[in-house]
Amino acid sequence: MRISKVYYQKNFRTGDFLYENIGVGIEINDQEDPKEALDEAKKLCQEYHNEHIQQELEHQSQQPEPTILPSIQVEKDYKDMSFEEQIESCDDLKVLESYKLLANRTEHLQTVYDRKHWQLKQAAK
């Protein structure tokens, strides 16, 4: 067996659920040892990561602190209403149609939806 190229790659964790995949391929001739080439590839990946992560940390330290936005409580019309009540309170066919997929979840909601849909269609005539 003749080995002409070796490849090494490693995933480096850079944050929560963030990874950086670094790899390098090295072509070798018949006189070179593939294991030495792999060691060199591994060393290159590690050195690149160390330099890159240092630059990233320096870049992040230069970034301004993120602004924390205040939490604003907004009262919602439908917060205490059940889906059935929300469907029955619709006065517009387009608004009602936004509940179509939700109504498919149960037979009861589908019945309420169908009845309201019929009422709004009759009122539109």
PDB file of N, CA and C in Angstrom:
ATOM      1  N   MET A   1       0.856  -1.178   0.000  1.00  0.00           N
ATOM      2  CA  MET A   1       0.000   0.000   0.000  1.00  0.00           C
ATOM      3  C   MET A   1       0.897   1.234   0.000  1.00  0.00           C
ATOM      4  N   ARG A   2       0.522   2.188  -0.840  1.00  0.00           N
ATOM      5  CA  ARG A   2       1.277   3.431  -0.962  1.00  0.00           C
ATOM      6  C   ARG A   2       0.394   4.569  -0.462  1.00  0.00           C
ATOM      7  N   ILE A   3       0.902   5.317   0.492  1.00  0.00           N
ATOM      8  CA  ILE A   3       0.173   6.474   1.021  1.00  0.00           C
ATOM      9  C   ILE A   3       0.786   7.717   0.405  1.00  0.00           C
ATOM     10  N   SER A   4      -0.075   8.516  -0.249  1.00  0.00           N
ATOM     11  CA  SER A   4       0.434   9.720  -0.908  1.00  0.00           C
ATOM     12  C   SER A   4      -0.082  11.005  -0.259  1.00  0.00           C
ATOM     13  N   LYS A   5      -1.094  10.854   0.577  1.00  0.00           N
ATOM     14  CA  LYS A   5      -1.667  12.043   1.216  1.00  0.00           C
ATOM     15  C   LYS A   5      -2.258  11.641   2.561  1.00  0.00           C
ATOM     16  N   VAL A   6      -2.060  12.486   3.569  1.00  0.00           N
ATOM     17  CA  VAL A   6      -2.679  12.266   4.873  1.00  0.00           C
ATOM     18  C   VAL A   6      -3.540  13.481   5.187  1.00  0.00           C
ATOM     19  N   TYR A   7      -4.575  13.238   5.940  1.00  0.00           N
ATOM     20  CA  TYR A   7      -5.497  14.323   6.289  1.00  0.00           C
ATOM     21  C   TYR A   7      -5.822  14.233   7.770  1.00  0.00           C
ATOM     22  N   TYR A   8      -5.824  15.393   8.433  1.00  0.00           N
ATOM     23  CA  TYR A   8      -6.176  15.432   9.849  1.00  0.00           C
ATOM     24  C   TYR A   8      -7.181  16.561  10.032  1.00  0.00           C
ATOM     25  N   GLN A   9      -8.202  16.307  10.855  1.00  0.00           N
ATOM     26  CA  GLN A   9      -9.138  17.370  11.199  1.00  0.00           C
ATOM     27  C   GLN A   9      -9.606  17.173  12.629  1.00  0.00           C
ATOM     28  N   LYS A  10      -9.995  18.271  13.241  1.00  0.00           N
ATOM     29  CA  LYS A  10     -10.454  18.221  14.622  1.00  0.00           C
ATOM     30  C   LYS A  10     -11.541  19.275  14.807  1.00  0.00           C
ATOM     31  N   ASN A  11     -12.540  18.927  15.607  1.00  0.00           N
ATOM     32  CA  ASN A  11     -13.583  19.883  15.994  1.00  0.00           C
ATOM     33  C   ASN A  11     -13.175  20.521  17.304  1.00  0.00           C
ATOM     34  N   PHE A  12     -13.075  21.840  17.315  1.00  0.00           N
ATOM     35  CA  PHE A  12     -12.753  22.588  18.523  1.00  0.00           C
ATOM     36  C   PHE A  12     -14.016  23.276  19.009  1.00  0.00           C
ATOM     37  N   ARG A  13     -14.317  23.126  20.272  1.00  0.00           N
ATOM     38  CA  ARG A  13     -15.480  23.802  20.849  1.00  0.00           C
ATOM     39  C   ARG A  13     -15.134  25.264  21.062  1.00  0.00           C
ATOM     40  N   THR A  14     -15.993  26.145  20.546  1.00  0.00           N
ATOM     41  CA  THR A  14     -15.740  27.581  20.658  1.00  0.00           C
ATOM     42  C   THR A  14     -16.787  28.291  21.505  1.00  0.00           C
ATOM     43  N   GLY A  15     -17.786  27.574  21.943  1.00  0.00           N
ATOM     44  CA  GLY A  15     -18.838  28.164  22.755  1.00  0.00           C
ATOM     45  C   GLY A  15     -19.946  27.157  22.946  1.00  0.00           C
ATOM     46  N   ASP A  16     -21.017  27.605  23.571  1.00  0.00           N
ATOM     47  CA  ASP A  16     -22.165  26.731  23.771  1.00  0.00           C
ATOM     48  C   ASP A  16     -22.749  26.349  22.418  1.00  0.00           C
ATOM     49  N   PHE A  17     -22.718  25.073  22.115  1.00  0.00           N
ATOM     50  CA  PHE A  17     -23.252  24.524  20.867  1.00  0.00           C
ATOM     51  C   PHE A  17     -22.553  25.071  19.622  1.00  0.00           C
ATOM     52  N   LEU A  18     -21.361  25.611  19.788  1.00  0.00           N
ATOM     53  CA  LEU A  18     -20.590  26.140  18.664  1.00  0.00           C
ATOM     54  C   LEU A  18     -19.271  25.389  18.554  1.00  0.00           C
ATOM     55  N   TYR A  19     -18.974  24.953  17.347  1.00  0.00           N
ATOM     56  CA  TYR A  19     -17.740  24.219  17.107  1.00  0.00           C
ATOM     57  C   TYR A  19     -17.086  24.742  15.843  1.00  0.00           C
ATOM     58  N   GLU A  20     -15.775  24.662  15.819  1.00  0.00           N
ATOM     59  CA  GLU A  20     -15.008  25.056  14.651  1.00  0.00           C
ATOM     60  C   GLU A  20     -14.291  23.804  14.168  1.00  0.00           C
ATOM     61  N   ASN A  21     -14.486  23.456  12.922  1.00  0.00           N
ATOM     62  CA  ASN A  21     -13.866  22.271  12.344  1.00  0.00           C
ATOM     63  C   ASN A  21     -12.648  22.717  11.546  1.00  0.00           C
ATOM     64  N   ILE A  22     -11.449  22.306  11.975  1.00  0.00           N
ATOM     65  CA  ILE A  22     -10.214  22.687  11.300  1.00  0.00           C
ATOM     66  C   ILE A  22      -9.552  21.414  10.785  1.00  0.00           C
ATOM     67  N   GLY A  23      -9.146  21.429   9.532  1.00  0.00           N
ATOM     68  CA  GLY A  23      -8.483  20.266   8.958  1.00  0.00           C
ATOM     69  C   GLY A  23      -7.409  20.684   7.980  1.00  0.00           C
ATOM     70  N   VAL A  24      -6.462  19.776   7.775  1.00  0.00           N
ATOM     71  CA  VAL A  24      -5.398  20.040   6.822  1.00  0.00           C
ATOM     72  C   VAL A  24      -5.013  18.728   6.148  1.00  0.00           C
ATOM     73  N   GLY A  25      -4.739  18.807   4.864  1.00  0.00           N
ATOM     74  CA  GLY A  25      -4.252  17.654   4.100  1.00  0.00           C
ATOM     75  C   GLY A  25      -2.803  17.891   3.719  1.00  0.00           C
ATOM     76  N   ILE A  26      -2.000  16.848   3.818  1.00  0.00           N
ATOM     77  CA  ILE A  26      -0.578  16.962   3.482  1.00  0.00           C
ATOM     78  C   ILE A  26      -0.222  15.854   2.493  1.00  0.00           C
ATOM     79  N   GLU A  27       0.340  16.268   1.364  1.00  0.00           N
ATOM     80  CA  GLU A  27       0.829  15.286   0.400  1.00  0.00           C
ATOM     81  C   GLU A  27       2.243  14.888   0.798  1.00  0.00           C
ATOM     82  N   ILE A  28       2.510  13.589   0.713  1.00  0.00           N
ATOM     83  CA  ILE A  28       3.835  13.088   1.088  1.00  0.00           C
ATOM     84  C   ILE A  28       4.412  12.267  -0.066  1.00  0.00           C
ATOM     85  N   ASN A  29       5.736  12.167  -0.056  1.00  0.00           N
ATOM     86  CA  ASN A  29       6.382  11.316  -1.051  1.00  0.00           C
ATOM     87  C   ASN A  29       6.736   9.974  -0.411  1.00  0.00           C
ATOM     88  N   ASP A  30       7.306   9.093  -1.185  1.00  0.00           N
ATOM     89  CA  ASP A  30       7.598   7.738  -0.718  1.00  0.00           C
ATOM     90  C   ASP A  30       8.586   7.703   0.448  1.00  0.00           C
ATOM     91  N   GLN A  31       9.457   8.688   0.553  1.00  0.00           N
ATOM     92  CA  GLN A  31      10.472   8.673   1.590  1.00  0.00           C
ATOM     93  C   GLN A  31       9.964   9.231   2.931  1.00  0.00           C
ATOM     94  N   GLU A  32       8.833   9.927   2.933  1.00  0.00           N
ATOM     95  CA  GLU A  32       8.328  10.544   4.158  1.00  0.00           C
ATOM     96  C   GLU A  32       7.451   9.570   4.933  1.00  0.00           C
ATOM     97  N   ASP A  33       7.493   9.696   6.252  1.00  0.00           N
ATOM     98  CA  ASP A  33       6.719   8.842   7.146  1.00  0.00           C
ATOM     99  C   ASP A  33       5.303   9.425   7.298  1.00  0.00           C
ATOM    100  N   PRO A  34       4.260   8.660   6.978  1.00  0.00           N
ATOM    101  CA  PRO A  34       2.883   9.164   7.104  1.00  0.00           C
ATOM    102  C   PRO A  34       2.524   9.577   8.537  1.00  0.00           C
ATOM    103  N   LYS A  35       3.062   8.873   9.527  1.00  0.00           N
ATOM    104  CA  LYS A  35       2.764   9.221  10.923  1.00  0.00           C
ATOM    105  C   LYS A  35       3.360  10.571  11.288  1.00  0.00           C
ATOM    106  N   GLU A  36       4.538  10.850  10.798  1.00  0.00           N
ATOM    107  CA  GLU A  36       5.141  12.168  11.051  1.00  0.00           C
ATOM    108  C   GLU A  36       4.317  13.263  10.368  1.00  0.00           C
ATOM    109  N   ALA A  37       3.826  12.955   9.171  1.00  0.00           N
ATOM    110  CA  ALA A  37       2.995  13.927   8.456  1.00  0.00           C
ATOM    111  C   ALA A  37       1.694  14.178   9.215  1.00  0.00           C
ATOM    112  N   LEU A  38       1.108  13.119   9.785  1.00  0.00           N
ATOM    113  CA  LEU A  38      -0.107  13.295  10.595  1.00  0.00           C
ATOM    114  C   LEU A  38       0.178  14.131  11.838  1.00  0.00           C
ATOM    115  N   ASP A  39       1.319  13.868  12.485  1.00  0.00           N
ATOM    116  CA  ASP A  39       1.705  14.672  13.657  1.00  0.00           C
ATOM    117  C   ASP A  39       1.839  16.138  13.281  1.00  0.00           C
ATOM    118  N   GLU A  40       2.429  16.391  12.112  1.00  0.00           N
ATOM    119  CA  GLU A  40       2.589  17.771  11.642  1.00  0.00           C
ATOM    120  C   GLU A  40       1.229  18.409  11.345  1.00  0.00           C
ATOM    121  N   ALA A  41       0.333  17.640  10.727  1.00  0.00           N
ATOM    122  CA  ALA A  41      -1.006  18.151  10.436  1.00  0.00           C
ATOM    123  C   ALA A  41      -1.748  18.483  11.730  1.00  0.00           C
ATOM    124  N   LYS A  42      -1.629  17.600  12.712  1.00  0.00           N
ATOM    125  CA  LYS A  42      -2.272  17.841  14.009  1.00  0.00           C
ATOM    126  C   LYS A  42      -1.716  19.107  14.655  1.00  0.00           C
ATOM    127  N   LYS A  43      -0.403  19.253  14.588  1.00  0.00           N
ATOM    128  CA  LYS A  43       0.254  20.432  15.165  1.00  0.00           C
ATOM    129  C   LYS A  43      -0.229  21.712  14.470  1.00  0.00           C
ATOM    130  N   LEU A  44      -0.327  21.657  13.133  1.00  0.00           N
ATOM    131  CA  LEU A  44      -0.806  22.828  12.380  1.00  0.00           C
ATOM    132  C   LEU A  44      -2.234  23.211  12.777  1.00  0.00           C
ATOM    133  N   CYS A  45      -3.098  22.205  12.921  1.00  0.00           N
ATOM    134  CA  CYS A  45      -4.491  22.475  13.306  1.00  0.00           C
ATOM    135  C   CYS A  45      -4.553  23.119  14.685  1.00  0.00           C
ATOM    136  N   GLN A  46      -3.788  22.583  15.618  1.00  0.00           N
ATOM    137  CA  GLN A  46      -3.796  23.113  16.984  1.00  0.00           C
ATOM    138  C   GLN A  46      -3.249  24.539  17.016  1.00  0.00           C
ATOM    139  N   GLU A  47      -2.146  24.773  16.291  1.00  0.00           N
ATOM    140  CA  GLU A  47      -1.567  26.125  16.251  1.00  0.00           C
ATOM    141  C   GLU A  47      -2.542  27.127  15.639  1.00  0.00           C
ATOM    142  N   TYR A  48      -3.190  26.727  14.543  1.00  0.00           N
ATOM    143  CA  TYR A  48      -4.155  27.618  13.910  1.00  0.00           C
ATOM    144  C   TYR A  48      -5.299  27.939  14.867  1.00  0.00           C
ATOM    145  N   HIS A  49      -5.804  26.921  15.524  1.00  0.00           N
ATOM    146  CA  HIS A  49      -6.900  27.126  16.479  1.00  0.00           C
ATOM    147  C   HIS A  49      -6.472  28.078  17.590  1.00  0.00           C
ATOM    148  N   ASN A  50      -5.274  27.855  18.147  1.00  0.00           N
ATOM    149  CA  ASN A  50      -4.797  28.711  19.243  1.00  0.00           C
ATOM    150  C   ASN A  50      -4.678  30.165  18.804  1.00  0.00           C
ATOM    151  N   GLU A  51      -4.148  30.384  17.604  1.00  0.00           N
ATOM    152  CA  GLU A  51      -4.024  31.754  17.089  1.00  0.00           C
ATOM    153  C   GLU A  51      -5.394  32.349  16.807  1.00  0.00           C
ATOM    154  N   HIS A  52      -6.251  31.557  16.202  1.00  0.00           N
ATOM    155  CA  HIS A  52      -7.577  32.028  15.822  1.00  0.00           C
ATOM    156  C   HIS A  52      -8.426  32.340  17.060  1.00  0.00           C
ATOM    157  N   ILE A  53      -8.378  31.465  18.054  1.00  0.00           N
ATOM    158  CA  ILE A  53      -9.188  31.680  19.257  1.00  0.00           C
ATOM    159  C   ILE A  53      -8.690  32.919  20.004  1.00  0.00           C
ATOM    160  N   GLN A  54      -7.374  33.149  19.998  1.00  0.00           N
ATOM    161  CA  GLN A  54      -6.825  34.341  20.654  1.00  0.00           C
ATOM    162  C   GLN A  54      -7.324  35.601  19.947  1.00  0.00           C
ATOM    163  N   GLN A  55      -7.329  35.581  18.610  1.00  0.00           N
ATOM    164  CA  GLN A  55      -7.832  36.729  17.853  1.00  0.00           C
ATOM    165  C   GLN A  55      -9.320  36.937  18.124  1.00  0.00           C
ATOM    166  N   GLU A  56     -10.058  35.846  18.213  1.00  0.00           N
ATOM    167  CA  GLU A  56     -11.500  35.928  18.478  1.00  0.00           C
ATOM    168  C   GLU A  56     -11.759  36.526  19.857  1.00  0.00           C
ATOM    169  N   LEU A  57     -10.988  36.092  20.849  1.00  0.00           N
ATOM    170  CA  LEU A  57     -11.151  36.636  22.207  1.00  0.00           C
ATOM    171  C   LEU A  57     -10.818  38.116  22.247  1.00  0.00           C
ATOM    172  N   GLU A  58      -9.772  38.522  21.534  1.00  0.00           N
ATOM    173  CA  GLU A  58      -9.417  39.941  21.469  1.00  0.00           C
ATOM    174  C   GLU A  58     -10.519  40.733  20.781  1.00  0.00           C
ATOM    175  N   HIS A  59     -11.068  40.177  19.718  1.00  0.00           N
ATOM    176  CA  HIS A  59     -12.159  40.845  18.993  1.00  0.00           C
ATOM    177  C   HIS A  59     -13.390  40.996  19.885  1.00  0.00           C
ATOM    178  N   GLN A  60     -13.717  39.937  20.630  1.00  0.00           N
ATOM    179  CA  GLN A  60     -14.878  39.986  21.516  1.00  0.00           C
ATOM    180  C   GLN A  60     -14.680  40.990  22.635  1.00  0.00           C
ATOM    181  N   SER A  61     -13.445  41.122  23.135  1.00  0.00           N
ATOM    182  CA  SER A  61     -13.199  42.073  24.228  1.00  0.00           C
ATOM    183  C   SER A  61     -13.328  43.510  23.749  1.00  0.00           C
ATOM    184  N   GLN A  62     -13.188  43.738  22.432  1.00  0.00           N
ATOM    185  CA  GLN A  62     -13.325  45.084  21.877  1.00  0.00           C
ATOM    186  C   GLN A  62     -14.778  45.440  21.580  1.00  0.00           C
ATOM    187  N   GLN A  63     -15.650  44.445  21.603  1.00  0.00           N
ATOM    188  CA  GLN A  63     -17.065  44.678  21.321  1.00  0.00           C
ATOM    189  C   GLN A  63     -17.718  45.370  22.519  1.00  0.00           C
ATOM    190  N   PRO A  64     -18.627  46.316  22.275  1.00  0.00           N
ATOM    191  CA  PRO A  64     -19.328  46.962  23.395  1.00  0.00           C
ATOM    192  C   PRO A  64     -20.251  45.969  24.090  1.00  0.00           C
ATOM    193  N   GLU A  65     -20.508  46.233  25.336  1.00  0.00           N
ATOM    194  CA  GLU A  65     -21.440  45.404  26.106  1.00  0.00           C
ATOM    195  C   GLU A  65     -22.819  45.468  25.447  1.00  0.00           C
ATOM    196  N   PRO A  66     -23.492  44.350  25.335  1.00  0.00           N
ATOM    197  CA  PRO A  66     -24.831  44.389  24.747  1.00  0.00           C
ATOM    198  C   PRO A  66     -25.798  45.160  25.638  1.00  0.00           C
ATOM    199  N   THR A  67     -26.680  45.879  25.002  1.00  0.00           N
ATOM    200  CA  THR A  67     -27.683  46.645  25.726  1.00  0.00           C
ATOM    201  C   THR A  67     -28.793  45.697  26.173  1.00  0.00           C
ATOM    202  N   ILE A  68     -29.119  45.757  27.436  1.00  0.00           N
ATOM    203  CA  ILE A  68     -30.205  44.937  27.960  1.00  0.00           C
ATOM    204  C   ILE A  68     -31.484  45.748  27.847  1.00  0.00           C
ATOM    205  N   LEU A  69     -32.415  45.225  27.089  1.00  0.00           N
ATOM    206  CA  LEU A  69     -33.677  45.921  26.877  1.00  0.00           C
ATOM    207  C   LEU A  69     -34.617  45.644  28.037  1.00  0.00           C
ATOM    208  N   PRO A  70     -35.372  46.650  28.439  1.00  0.00           N
ATOM    209  CA  PRO A  70     -36.306  46.428  29.543  1.00  0.00           C
ATOM    210  C   PRO A  70     -37.447  45.503  29.123  1.00  0.00           C
ATOM    211  N   SER A  71     -37.935  44.784  30.069  1.00  0.00           N
ATOM    212  CA  SER A  71     -39.067  43.898  29.820  1.00  0.00           C
ATOM    213  C   SER A  71     -40.344  44.708  29.979  1.00  0.00           C
ATOM    214  N   ILE A  72     -41.192  44.655  28.972  1.00  0.00           N
ATOM    215  CA  ILE A  72     -42.436  45.420  28.998  1.00  0.00           C
ATOM    216  C   ILE A  72     -43.595  44.437  28.976  1.00  0.00           C
ATOM    217  N   GLN A  73     -44.472  44.554  29.934  1.00  0.00           N
ATOM    218  CA  GLN A  73     -45.650  43.699  29.987  1.00  0.00           C
ATOM    219  C   GLN A  73     -46.732  44.299  29.092  1.00  0.00           C
ATOM    220  N   VAL A  74     -47.263  43.479  28.219  1.00  0.00           N
ATOM    221  CA  VAL A  74     -48.325  43.917  27.323  1.00  0.00           C
ATOM    222  C   VAL A  74     -49.520  43.019  27.561  1.00  0.00           C
ATOM    223  N   GLU A  75     -50.652  43.647  27.801  1.00  0.00           N
ATOM    224  CA  GLU A  75     -51.854  42.845  27.983  1.00  0.00           C
ATOM    225  C   GLU A  75     -52.333  42.348  26.634  1.00  0.00           C
ATOM    226  N   LYS A  76     -52.666  41.096  26.572  1.00  0.00           N
ATOM    227  CA  LYS A  76     -53.165  40.503  25.342  1.00  0.00           C
ATOM    228  C   LYS A  76     -54.657  40.250  25.503  1.00  0.00           C
ATOM    229  N   ASP A  77     -55.381  40.519  24.444  1.00  0.00           N
ATOM    230  CA  ASP A  77     -56.832  40.331  24.485  1.00  0.00           C
ATOM    231  C   ASP A  77     -57.212  38.885  24.740  1.00  0.00           C
ATOM    232  N   TYR A  78     -56.415  37.955  24.198  1.00  0.00           N
ATOM    233  CA  TYR A  78     -56.801  36.558  24.227  1.00  0.00           C
ATOM    234  C   TYR A  78     -56.096  35.752  25.315  1.00  0.00           C
ATOM    235  N   LYS A  79     -55.366  36.391  26.225  1.00  0.00           N
ATOM    236  CA  LYS A  79     -54.528  35.617  27.152  1.00  0.00           C
ATOM    237  C   LYS A  79     -55.323  34.692  28.062  1.00  0.00           C
ATOM    238  N   ASP A  80     -56.537  35.057  28.429  1.00  0.00           N
ATOM    239  CA  ASP A  80     -57.320  34.212  29.322  1.00  0.00           C
ATOM    240  C   ASP A  80     -58.418  33.445  28.590  1.00  0.00           C
ATOM    241  N   MET A  81     -58.415  33.547  27.264  1.00  0.00           N
ATOM    242  CA  MET A  81     -59.472  32.896  26.501  1.00  0.00           C
ATOM    243  C   MET A  81     -58.989  31.540  25.994  1.00  0.00           C
ATOM    244  N   SER A  82     -59.891  30.576  25.975  1.00  0.00           N
ATOM    245  CA  SER A  82     -59.574  29.278  25.393  1.00  0.00           C
ATOM    246  C   SER A  82     -59.603  29.413  23.874  1.00  0.00           C
ATOM    247  N   PHE A  83     -59.069  28.415  23.186  1.00  0.00           N
ATOM    248  CA  PHE A  83     -59.106  28.450  21.726  1.00  0.00           C
ATOM    249  C   PHE A  83     -60.540  28.487  21.222  1.00  0.00           C
ATOM    250  N   GLU A  84     -61.402  27.790  21.904  1.00  0.00           N
ATOM    251  CA  GLU A  84     -62.815  27.787  21.503  1.00  0.00           C
ATOM    252  C   GLU A  84     -63.382  29.199  21.587  1.00  0.00           C
ATOM    253  N   GLU A  85     -63.117  29.887  22.684  1.00  0.00           N
ATOM    254  CA  GLU A  85     -63.622  31.258  22.858  1.00  0.00           C
ATOM    255  C   GLU A  85     -63.006  32.200  21.825  1.00  0.00           C
ATOM    256  N   GLN A  86     -61.710  31.980  21.515  1.00  0.00           N
ATOM    257  CA  GLN A  86     -61.061  32.828  20.515  1.00  0.00           C
ATOM    258  C   GLN A  86     -61.698  32.638  19.139  1.00  0.00           C
ATOM    259  N   ILE A  87     -61.984  31.391  18.800  1.00  0.00           N
ATOM    260  CA  ILE A  87     -62.636  31.110  17.504  1.00  0.00           C
ATOM    261  C   ILE A  87     -64.021  31.747  17.477  1.00  0.00           C
ATOM    262  N   GLU A  88     -64.776  31.578  18.547  1.00  0.00           N
ATOM    263  CA  GLU A  88     -66.137  32.124  18.591  1.00  0.00           C
ATOM    264  C   GLU A  88     -66.159  33.642  18.604  1.00  0.00           C
ATOM    265  N   SER A  89     -65.086  34.285  19.056  1.00  0.00           N
ATOM    266  CA  SER A  89     -65.066  35.755  19.111  1.00  0.00           C
ATOM    267  C   SER A  89     -64.651  36.399  17.794  1.00  0.00           C
ATOM    268  N   CYS A  90     -64.261  35.603  16.796  1.00  0.00           N
ATOM    269  CA  CYS A  90     -63.837  36.151  15.507  1.00  0.00           C
ATOM    270  C   CYS A  90     -65.008  36.826  14.801  1.00  0.00           C
ATOM    271  N   ASP A  91     -64.742  38.021  14.280  1.00  0.00           N
ATOM    272  CA  ASP A  91     -65.744  38.757  13.521  1.00  0.00           C
ATOM    273  C   ASP A  91     -65.366  38.858  12.048  1.00  0.00           C
ATOM    274  N   ASP A  92     -64.205  38.359  11.701  1.00  0.00           N
ATOM    275  CA  ASP A  92     -63.697  38.491  10.343  1.00  0.00           C
ATOM    276  C   ASP A  92     -63.295  37.109   9.827  1.00  0.00           C
ATOM    277  N   LEU A  93     -63.646  36.800   8.608  1.00  0.00           N
ATOM    278  CA  LEU A  93     -63.373  35.494   8.021  1.00  0.00           C
ATOM    279  C   LEU A  93     -61.872  35.226   7.916  1.00  0.00           C
ATOM    280  N   LYS A  94     -61.085  36.243   7.549  1.00  0.00           N
ATOM    281  CA  LYS A  94     -59.636  36.063   7.426  1.00  0.00           C
ATOM    282  C   LYS A  94     -59.009  35.751   8.780  1.00  0.00           C
ATOM    283  N   VAL A  95     -59.459  36.408   9.821  1.00  0.00           N
ATOM    284  CA  VAL A  95     -58.947  36.125  11.164  1.00  0.00           C
ATOM    285  C   VAL A  95     -59.320  34.703  11.568  1.00  0.00           C
ATOM    286  N   LEU A  96     -60.551  34.335  11.302  1.00  0.00           N
ATOM    287  CA  LEU A  96     -61.006  32.984  11.628  1.00  0.00           C
ATOM    288  C   LEU A  96     -60.163  31.934  10.908  1.00  0.00           C
ATOM    289  N   GLU A  97     -59.829  32.178   9.644  1.00  0.00           N
ATOM    290  CA  GLU A  97     -59.061  31.203   8.874  1.00  0.00           C
ATOM    291  C   GLU A  97     -57.667  30.979   9.438  1.00  0.00           C
ATOM    292  N   SER A  98     -57.171  31.901  10.257  1.00  0.00           N
ATOM    293  CA  SER A  98     -55.869  31.683  10.895  1.00  0.00           C
ATOM    294  C   SER A  98     -55.945  30.575  11.950  1.00  0.00           C
ATOM    295  N   TYR A  99     -57.151  30.196  12.352  1.00  0.00           N
ATOM    296  CA  TYR A  99     -57.341  29.114  13.328  1.00  0.00           C
ATOM    297  C   TYR A  99     -57.584  27.754  12.652  1.00  0.00           C
ATOM    298  N   LYS A 100     -57.555  27.713  11.327  1.00  0.00           N
ATOM    299  CA  LYS A 100     -57.928  26.499  10.604  1.00  0.00           C
ATOM    300  C   LYS A 100     -57.072  25.288  10.994  1.00  0.00           C
ATOM    301  N   LEU A 101     -55.766  25.438  11.013  1.00  0.00           N
ATOM    302  CA  LEU A 101     -54.890  24.311  11.370  1.00  0.00           C
ATOM    303  C   LEU A 101     -55.059  23.911  12.828  1.00  0.00           C
ATOM    304  N   LEU A 102     -55.236  24.886  13.688  1.00  0.00           N
ATOM    305  CA  LEU A 102     -55.442  24.596  15.105  1.00  0.00           C
ATOM    306  C   LEU A 102     -56.740  23.824  15.319  1.00  0.00           C
ATOM    307  N   ALA A 103     -57.752  24.184  14.575  1.00  0.00           N
ATOM    308  CA  ALA A 103     -59.051  23.526  14.720  1.00  0.00           C
ATOM    309  C   ALA A 103     -58.993  22.057  14.318  1.00  0.00           C
ATOM    310  N   ASN A 104     -58.081  21.693  13.456  1.00  0.00           N
ATOM    311  CA  ASN A 104     -57.939  20.301  13.026  1.00  0.00           C
ATOM    312  C   ASN A 104     -57.450  19.378  14.140  1.00  0.00           C
ATOM    313  N   ARG A 105     -56.977  19.935  15.232  1.00  0.00           N
ATOM    314  CA  ARG A 105     -56.405  19.120  16.300  1.00  0.00           C
ATOM    315  C   ARG A 105     -57.437  18.290  17.050  1.00  0.00           C
ATOM    316  N   THR A 106     -58.636  18.824  17.210  1.00  0.00           N
ATOM    317  CA  THR A 106     -59.678  18.061  17.912  1.00  0.00           C
ATOM    318  C   THR A 106     -61.002  18.188  17.164  1.00  0.00           C
ATOM    319  N   GLU A 107     -61.825  17.210  17.343  1.00  0.00           N
ATOM    320  CA  GLU A 107     -63.134  17.209  16.684  1.00  0.00           C
ATOM    321  C   GLU A 107     -63.993  18.365  17.189  1.00  0.00           C
ATOM    322  N   HIS A 108     -63.913  18.636  18.493  1.00  0.00           N
ATOM    323  CA  HIS A 108     -64.717  19.711  19.079  1.00  0.00           C
ATOM    324  C   HIS A 108     -64.325  21.070  18.492  1.00  0.00           C
ATOM    325  N   LEU A 109     -62.996  21.345  18.433  1.00  0.00           N
ATOM    326  CA  LEU A 109     -62.566  22.627  17.867  1.00  0.00           C
ATOM    327  C   LEU A 109     -62.933  22.725  16.386  1.00  0.00           C
ATOM    328  N   GLN A 110     -62.882  21.609  15.678  1.00  0.00           N
ATOM    329  CA  GLN A 110     -63.254  21.617  14.263  1.00  0.00           C
ATOM    330  C   GLN A 110     -64.731  21.960  14.107  1.00  0.00           C
ATOM    331  N   THR A 111     -65.568  21.439  14.987  1.00  0.00           N
ATOM    332  CA  THR A 111     -67.007  21.731  14.952  1.00  0.00           C
ATOM    333  C   THR A 111     -67.253  23.210  15.230  1.00  0.00           C
ATOM    334  N   VAL A 112     -66.570  23.746  16.251  1.00  0.00           N
ATOM    335  CA  VAL A 112     -66.718  25.174  16.593  1.00  0.00           C
ATOM    336  C   VAL A 112     -66.256  26.029  15.418  1.00  0.00           C
ATOM    337  N   TYR A 113     -65.115  25.655  14.828  1.00  0.00           N
ATOM    338  CA  TYR A 113     -64.574  26.394  13.688  1.00  0.00           C
ATOM    339  C   TYR A 113     -65.547  26.366  12.511  1.00  0.00           C
ATOM    340  N   ASP A 114     -66.033  25.176  12.169  1.00  0.00           N
ATOM    341  CA  ASP A 114     -66.945  25.036  11.025  1.00  0.00           C
ATOM    342  C   ASP A 114     -68.218  25.854  11.224  1.00  0.00           C
ATOM    343  N   ARG A 115     -68.757  25.825  12.450  1.00  0.00           N
ATOM    344  CA  ARG A 115     -69.981  26.576  12.743  1.00  0.00           C
ATOM    345  C   ARG A 115     -69.725  28.078  12.581  1.00  0.00           C
ATOM    346  N   LYS A 116     -68.625  28.574  13.128  1.00  0.00           N
ATOM    347  CA  LYS A 116     -68.311  30.006  13.044  1.00  0.00           C
ATOM    348  C   LYS A 116     -68.015  30.398  11.596  1.00  0.00           C
ATOM    349  N   HIS A 117     -67.326  29.534  10.880  1.00  0.00           N
ATOM    350  CA  HIS A 117     -67.017  29.801   9.473  1.00  0.00           C
ATOM    351  C   HIS A 117     -68.319  29.947   8.669  1.00  0.00           C
ATOM    352  N   TRP A 118     -69.253  29.050   8.905  1.00  0.00           N
ATOM    353  CA  TRP A 118     -70.544  29.111   8.231  1.00  0.00           C
ATOM    354  C   TRP A 118     -71.272  30.409   8.580  1.00  0.00           C
ATOM    355  N   GLN A 119     -71.269  30.781   9.892  1.00  0.00           N
ATOM    356  CA  GLN A 119     -71.949  32.015  10.328  1.00  0.00           C
ATOM    357  C   GLN A 119     -71.367  33.241   9.643  1.00  0.00           C
ATOM    358  N   LEU A 120     -70.037  33.326   9.572  1.00  0.00           N
ATOM    359  CA  LEU A 120     -69.409  34.491   8.971  1.00  0.00           C
ATOM    360  C   LEU A 120     -69.646  34.532   7.441  1.00  0.00           C
ATOM    361  N   LYS A 121     -69.674  33.368   6.818  1.00  0.00           N
ATOM    362  CA  LYS A 121     -69.972  33.332   5.375  1.00  0.00           C
ATOM    363  C   LYS A 121     -71.403  33.790   5.113  1.00  0.00           C
ATOM    364  N   GLN A 122     -72.359  33.368   5.973  1.00  0.00           N
ATOM    365  CA  GLN A 122     -73.754  33.770   5.822  1.00  0.00           C
ATOM    366  C   GLN A 122     -73.897  35.271   6.039  1.00  0.00           C
ATOM    367  N   ALA A 123     -73.185  35.805   7.011  1.00  0.00           N
ATOM    368  CA  ALA A 123     -73.255  37.247   7.306  1.00  0.00           C
ATOM    369  C   ALA A 123     -72.655  38.072   6.173  1.00  0.00           C
ATOM    370  N   ALA A 124     -71.686  37.511   5.456  1.00  0.00           N
ATOM    371  CA  ALA A 124     -71.036  38.234   4.362  1.00  0.00           C
ATOM    372  C   ALA A 124     -71.885  38.309   3.109  1.00  0.00           C
ATOM    373  N   LYS A 125     -72.904  37.435   2.992  1.00  0.00           N
ATOM    374  CA  LYS A 125     -73.778  37.411   1.799  1.00  0.00           C
ATOM    375  C   LYS A 125     -74.677  38.596   1.721  1.00  0.00           C
TER     376      LYS A 125
END
